[in-house]
Amino acid sequence: MKSKSELKKIAREFRMYGSRLLSTKYGNGLGDLSRFLNFIESNDVIYKFIQENNKESYDIEEICRNRGWRNKYPLPIEKNKEIAFIYQLLKYG
């Protein structure tokens, strides 16, 4: 089990990578996405949490194809399904 200070450090890094991805400049998106996913998948606490919730499978390619340019993605209501959807969407990106 991680200590409270270790969890705070992980949370701070997660927010840093997430913020960088959300504010990415044109042309840097794939690099920032790769950094964010690399952080998630190399962190045992976060990755284990995602894997525990990534039980539902979505056809992300089809969802992206049918989504209009300005439309938002249809996020599932249930927390575990939302986590699965967002993770699969990030991986597809």
N, C-alpha and C. Protein backbone atom coordinates (compact mmCIF):
# COMPACT_ATOMS: atom_id res chain seq x y z
N MET A 1 0.84 -1.19 0.00
CA MET A 1 0.00 0.00 0.00
C MET A 1 0.88 1.25 0.00
N LYS A 2 0.49 2.21 -0.79
CA LYS A 2 1.25 3.46 -0.89
C LYS A 2 0.95 4.36 0.30
N SER A 3 1.94 5.15 0.67
CA SER A 3 1.75 6.11 1.76
C SER A 3 0.95 7.30 1.24
N LYS A 4 0.46 8.09 2.16
CA LYS A 4 -0.34 9.26 1.80
C LYS A 4 0.48 10.24 0.95
N SER A 5 1.74 10.43 1.28
CA SER A 5 2.58 11.35 0.51
C SER A 5 2.85 10.81 -0.90
N GLU A 6 2.99 9.48 -1.03
CA GLU A 6 3.18 8.88 -2.35
C GLU A 6 1.92 9.04 -3.20
N LEU A 7 0.76 8.86 -2.58
CA LEU A 7 -0.51 9.03 -3.31
C LEU A 7 -0.71 10.48 -3.75
N LYS A 8 -0.30 11.42 -2.90
CA LYS A 8 -0.39 12.84 -3.27
C LYS A 8 0.51 13.15 -4.46
N LYS A 9 1.71 12.56 -4.47
CA LYS A 9 2.63 12.76 -5.58
C LYS A 9 2.04 12.19 -6.87
N ILE A 10 1.46 11.00 -6.79
CA ILE A 10 0.84 10.37 -7.96
C ILE A 10 -0.31 11.24 -8.47
N ALA A 11 -1.15 11.73 -7.55
CA ALA A 11 -2.28 12.58 -7.94
C ALA A 11 -1.80 13.87 -8.61
N ARG A 12 -0.72 14.46 -8.08
CA ARG A 12 -0.17 15.69 -8.65
C ARG A 12 0.35 15.44 -10.06
N GLU A 13 1.07 14.33 -10.24
CA GLU A 13 1.58 14.00 -11.58
C GLU A 13 0.44 13.70 -12.55
N PHE A 14 -0.59 12.99 -12.08
CA PHE A 14 -1.75 12.71 -12.93
C PHE A 14 -2.39 14.01 -13.40
N ARG A 15 -2.59 14.94 -12.49
CA ARG A 15 -3.18 16.23 -12.86
C ARG A 15 -2.29 17.00 -13.82
N MET A 16 -0.97 16.92 -13.63
CA MET A 16 -0.03 17.61 -14.51
C MET A 16 -0.13 17.07 -15.94
N TYR A 17 -0.07 15.74 -16.08
CA TYR A 17 -0.16 15.14 -17.42
C TYR A 17 -1.54 15.36 -18.03
N GLY A 18 -2.59 15.25 -17.22
CA GLY A 18 -3.94 15.49 -17.71
C GLY A 18 -4.14 16.91 -18.18
N SER A 19 -3.63 17.86 -17.41
CA SER A 19 -3.74 19.28 -17.76
C SER A 19 -2.97 19.58 -19.05
N ARG A 20 -1.80 18.97 -19.16
CA ARG A 20 -1.00 19.17 -20.37
C ARG A 20 -1.74 18.65 -21.59
N LEU A 21 -2.40 17.50 -21.45
CA LEU A 21 -3.16 16.95 -22.56
C LEU A 21 -4.35 17.84 -22.91
N LEU A 22 -5.06 18.32 -21.89
CA LEU A 22 -6.24 19.15 -22.14
C LEU A 22 -5.90 20.50 -22.78
N SER A 23 -4.70 20.98 -22.55
CA SER A 23 -4.32 22.29 -23.10
C SER A 23 -3.28 22.16 -24.21
N THR A 24 -3.21 20.99 -24.84
CA THR A 24 -2.21 20.75 -25.88
C THR A 24 -2.39 21.68 -27.06
N LYS A 25 -1.30 22.00 -27.68
CA LYS A 25 -1.30 22.84 -28.88
C LYS A 25 -1.39 21.94 -30.11
N TYR A 26 -1.89 22.50 -31.20
CA TYR A 26 -2.00 21.76 -32.44
C TYR A 26 -0.62 21.19 -32.81
N GLY A 27 -0.59 19.93 -33.14
CA GLY A 27 0.66 19.29 -33.51
C GLY A 27 1.33 18.56 -32.36
N ASN A 28 0.95 18.88 -31.13
CA ASN A 28 1.54 18.22 -29.96
C ASN A 28 0.60 17.20 -29.34
N GLY A 29 -0.59 17.06 -29.87
CA GLY A 29 -1.61 16.22 -29.26
C GLY A 29 -1.22 14.78 -29.08
N LEU A 30 -0.67 14.14 -30.11
CA LEU A 30 -0.31 12.73 -29.99
C LEU A 30 0.81 12.51 -28.99
N GLY A 31 1.76 13.42 -28.94
CA GLY A 31 2.84 13.31 -27.97
C GLY A 31 2.33 13.46 -26.55
N ASP A 32 1.46 14.44 -26.32
CA ASP A 32 0.89 14.64 -24.99
C ASP A 32 -0.02 13.48 -24.59
N LEU A 33 -0.76 12.94 -25.54
CA LEU A 33 -1.59 11.77 -25.28
C LEU A 33 -0.72 10.57 -24.92
N SER A 34 0.35 10.36 -25.65
CA SER A 34 1.27 9.25 -25.36
C SER A 34 1.89 9.39 -23.98
N ARG A 35 2.29 10.61 -23.61
CA ARG A 35 2.86 10.84 -22.28
C ARG A 35 1.84 10.51 -21.19
N PHE A 36 0.60 10.95 -21.38
CA PHE A 36 -0.45 10.72 -20.39
C PHE A 36 -0.72 9.21 -20.25
N LEU A 37 -0.88 8.52 -21.38
CA LEU A 37 -1.12 7.08 -21.33
C LEU A 37 0.07 6.32 -20.75
N ASN A 38 1.27 6.75 -21.08
CA ASN A 38 2.46 6.11 -20.53
C ASN A 38 2.50 6.27 -19.01
N PHE A 39 2.15 7.46 -18.53
CA PHE A 39 2.10 7.67 -17.09
C PHE A 39 1.07 6.75 -16.44
N ILE A 40 -0.12 6.71 -17.01
CA ILE A 40 -1.20 5.87 -16.47
C ILE A 40 -0.78 4.40 -16.43
N GLU A 41 -0.25 3.91 -17.53
CA GLU A 41 0.05 2.49 -17.65
C GLU A 41 1.31 2.08 -16.90
N SER A 42 2.16 3.03 -16.56
CA SER A 42 3.36 2.70 -15.80
C SER A 42 3.17 2.90 -14.30
N ASN A 43 2.01 3.41 -13.91
CA ASN A 43 1.73 3.62 -12.49
C ASN A 43 0.81 2.51 -12.00
N ASP A 44 1.33 1.67 -11.13
CA ASP A 44 0.57 0.49 -10.71
C ASP A 44 -0.75 0.81 -10.02
N VAL A 45 -0.83 1.88 -9.27
CA VAL A 45 -2.07 2.24 -8.57
C VAL A 45 -3.15 2.65 -9.57
N ILE A 46 -2.81 3.54 -10.47
CA ILE A 46 -3.79 4.04 -11.44
C ILE A 46 -4.17 2.95 -12.44
N TYR A 47 -3.18 2.23 -12.94
CA TYR A 47 -3.46 1.22 -13.96
C TYR A 47 -4.30 0.08 -13.39
N LYS A 48 -4.03 -0.32 -12.17
CA LYS A 48 -4.83 -1.36 -11.53
C LYS A 48 -6.28 -0.90 -11.39
N PHE A 49 -6.47 0.35 -10.99
CA PHE A 49 -7.81 0.92 -10.85
C PHE A 49 -8.55 0.89 -12.20
N ILE A 50 -7.87 1.28 -13.25
CA ILE A 50 -8.49 1.29 -14.58
C ILE A 50 -8.83 -0.13 -15.02
N GLN A 51 -7.91 -1.06 -14.83
CA GLN A 51 -8.16 -2.44 -15.23
C GLN A 51 -9.33 -3.05 -14.46
N GLU A 52 -9.47 -2.70 -13.20
CA GLU A 52 -10.60 -3.20 -12.40
C GLU A 52 -11.94 -2.67 -12.91
N ASN A 53 -11.91 -1.51 -13.57
CA ASN A 53 -13.14 -0.89 -14.07
C ASN A 53 -13.34 -1.04 -15.57
N ASN A 54 -12.34 -1.53 -16.26
CA ASN A 54 -12.40 -1.64 -17.72
C ASN A 54 -12.97 -3.00 -18.12
N LYS A 55 -14.22 -3.22 -17.79
CA LYS A 55 -14.87 -4.50 -18.05
C LYS A 55 -15.82 -4.44 -19.25
N GLU A 56 -16.33 -3.28 -19.55
CA GLU A 56 -17.25 -3.08 -20.68
C GLU A 56 -16.43 -2.75 -21.92
N SER A 57 -16.81 -3.32 -23.06
CA SER A 57 -16.10 -3.06 -24.30
C SER A 57 -16.95 -2.16 -25.20
N TYR A 58 -16.31 -1.14 -25.79
CA TYR A 58 -17.01 -0.19 -26.66
C TYR A 58 -16.37 -0.20 -28.04
N ASP A 59 -17.20 0.00 -29.05
CA ASP A 59 -16.70 0.12 -30.42
C ASP A 59 -16.36 1.59 -30.65
N ILE A 60 -15.20 1.98 -30.16
CA ILE A 60 -14.80 3.39 -30.19
C ILE A 60 -14.69 3.90 -31.63
N GLU A 61 -14.18 3.08 -32.52
CA GLU A 61 -14.05 3.50 -33.91
C GLU A 61 -15.42 3.87 -34.49
N GLU A 62 -16.41 3.04 -34.23
CA GLU A 62 -17.77 3.30 -34.72
C GLU A 62 -18.36 4.55 -34.05
N ILE A 63 -18.15 4.69 -32.77
CA ILE A 63 -18.66 5.86 -32.03
C ILE A 63 -18.04 7.14 -32.60
N CYS A 64 -16.74 7.11 -32.87
CA CYS A 64 -16.07 8.29 -33.44
C CYS A 64 -16.56 8.58 -34.85
N ARG A 65 -16.77 7.55 -35.63
CA ARG A 65 -17.23 7.72 -37.01
C ARG A 65 -18.62 8.35 -37.06
N ASN A 66 -19.49 8.00 -36.13
CA ASN A 66 -20.87 8.49 -36.14
C ASN A 66 -21.07 9.79 -35.37
N ARG A 67 -20.04 10.29 -34.73
CA ARG A 67 -20.15 11.51 -33.94
C ARG A 67 -19.94 12.72 -34.85
N GLY A 68 -20.77 13.71 -34.70
CA GLY A 68 -20.59 14.95 -35.45
C GLY A 68 -19.39 15.73 -34.94
N TRP A 69 -18.88 16.62 -35.75
CA TRP A 69 -17.67 17.39 -35.42
C TRP A 69 -17.80 18.12 -34.09
N ARG A 70 -18.94 18.72 -33.80
CA ARG A 70 -19.11 19.49 -32.57
C ARG A 70 -19.85 18.72 -31.48
N ASN A 71 -20.20 17.49 -31.74
CA ASN A 71 -20.92 16.69 -30.75
C ASN A 71 -19.99 16.17 -29.67
N LYS A 72 -20.50 16.06 -28.47
CA LYS A 72 -19.74 15.48 -27.37
C LYS A 72 -19.88 13.96 -27.42
N TYR A 73 -18.95 13.30 -26.77
CA TYR A 73 -19.03 11.84 -26.70
C TYR A 73 -20.11 11.45 -25.70
N PRO A 74 -20.86 10.39 -25.99
CA PRO A 74 -21.93 9.94 -25.09
C PRO A 74 -21.35 9.15 -23.91
N LEU A 75 -21.07 9.82 -22.81
CA LEU A 75 -20.47 9.15 -21.66
C LEU A 75 -21.49 8.30 -20.92
N PRO A 76 -21.10 7.09 -20.57
CA PRO A 76 -21.99 6.23 -19.78
C PRO A 76 -22.27 6.84 -18.41
N ILE A 77 -23.38 6.48 -17.82
CA ILE A 77 -23.79 7.00 -16.51
C ILE A 77 -23.01 6.35 -15.38
N GLU A 78 -22.86 5.03 -15.44
CA GLU A 78 -22.19 4.30 -14.36
C GLU A 78 -20.71 4.64 -14.34
N LYS A 79 -20.16 4.83 -13.15
CA LYS A 79 -18.76 5.24 -12.98
C LYS A 79 -17.79 4.27 -13.65
N ASN A 80 -17.97 2.96 -13.40
CA ASN A 80 -17.03 1.99 -13.97
C ASN A 80 -17.10 1.96 -15.49
N LYS A 81 -18.29 2.14 -16.05
CA LYS A 81 -18.43 2.16 -17.50
C LYS A 81 -17.85 3.45 -18.10
N GLU A 82 -17.99 4.56 -17.37
CA GLU A 82 -17.39 5.82 -17.82
C GLU A 82 -15.87 5.71 -17.85
N ILE A 83 -15.29 5.10 -16.83
CA ILE A 83 -13.84 4.90 -16.78
C ILE A 83 -13.39 4.04 -17.95
N ALA A 84 -14.10 2.95 -18.21
CA ALA A 84 -13.77 2.06 -19.32
C ALA A 84 -13.86 2.81 -20.65
N PHE A 85 -14.94 3.58 -20.84
CA PHE A 85 -15.14 4.30 -22.09
C PHE A 85 -14.02 5.31 -22.33
N ILE A 86 -13.72 6.11 -21.34
CA ILE A 86 -12.70 7.15 -21.50
C ILE A 86 -11.32 6.54 -21.75
N TYR A 87 -11.00 5.48 -21.02
CA TYR A 87 -9.70 4.83 -21.23
C TYR A 87 -9.62 4.26 -22.65
N GLN A 88 -10.67 3.60 -23.11
CA GLN A 88 -10.66 3.03 -24.46
C GLN A 88 -10.61 4.14 -25.51
N LEU A 89 -11.27 5.25 -25.25
CA LEU A 89 -11.22 6.40 -26.17
C LEU A 89 -9.80 6.96 -26.25
N LEU A 90 -9.14 7.10 -25.11
CA LEU A 90 -7.76 7.58 -25.09
C LEU A 90 -6.84 6.62 -25.84
N LYS A 91 -7.01 5.33 -25.63
CA LYS A 91 -6.18 4.34 -26.31
C LYS A 91 -6.42 4.38 -27.83
N TYR A 92 -7.66 4.61 -28.23
CA TYR A 92 -7.98 4.68 -29.66
C TYR A 92 -7.30 5.90 -30.28
N GLY A 93 -7.24 6.99 -29.52
CA GLY A 93 -6.64 8.23 -30.02
C GLY A 93 -5.18 8.04 -30.36
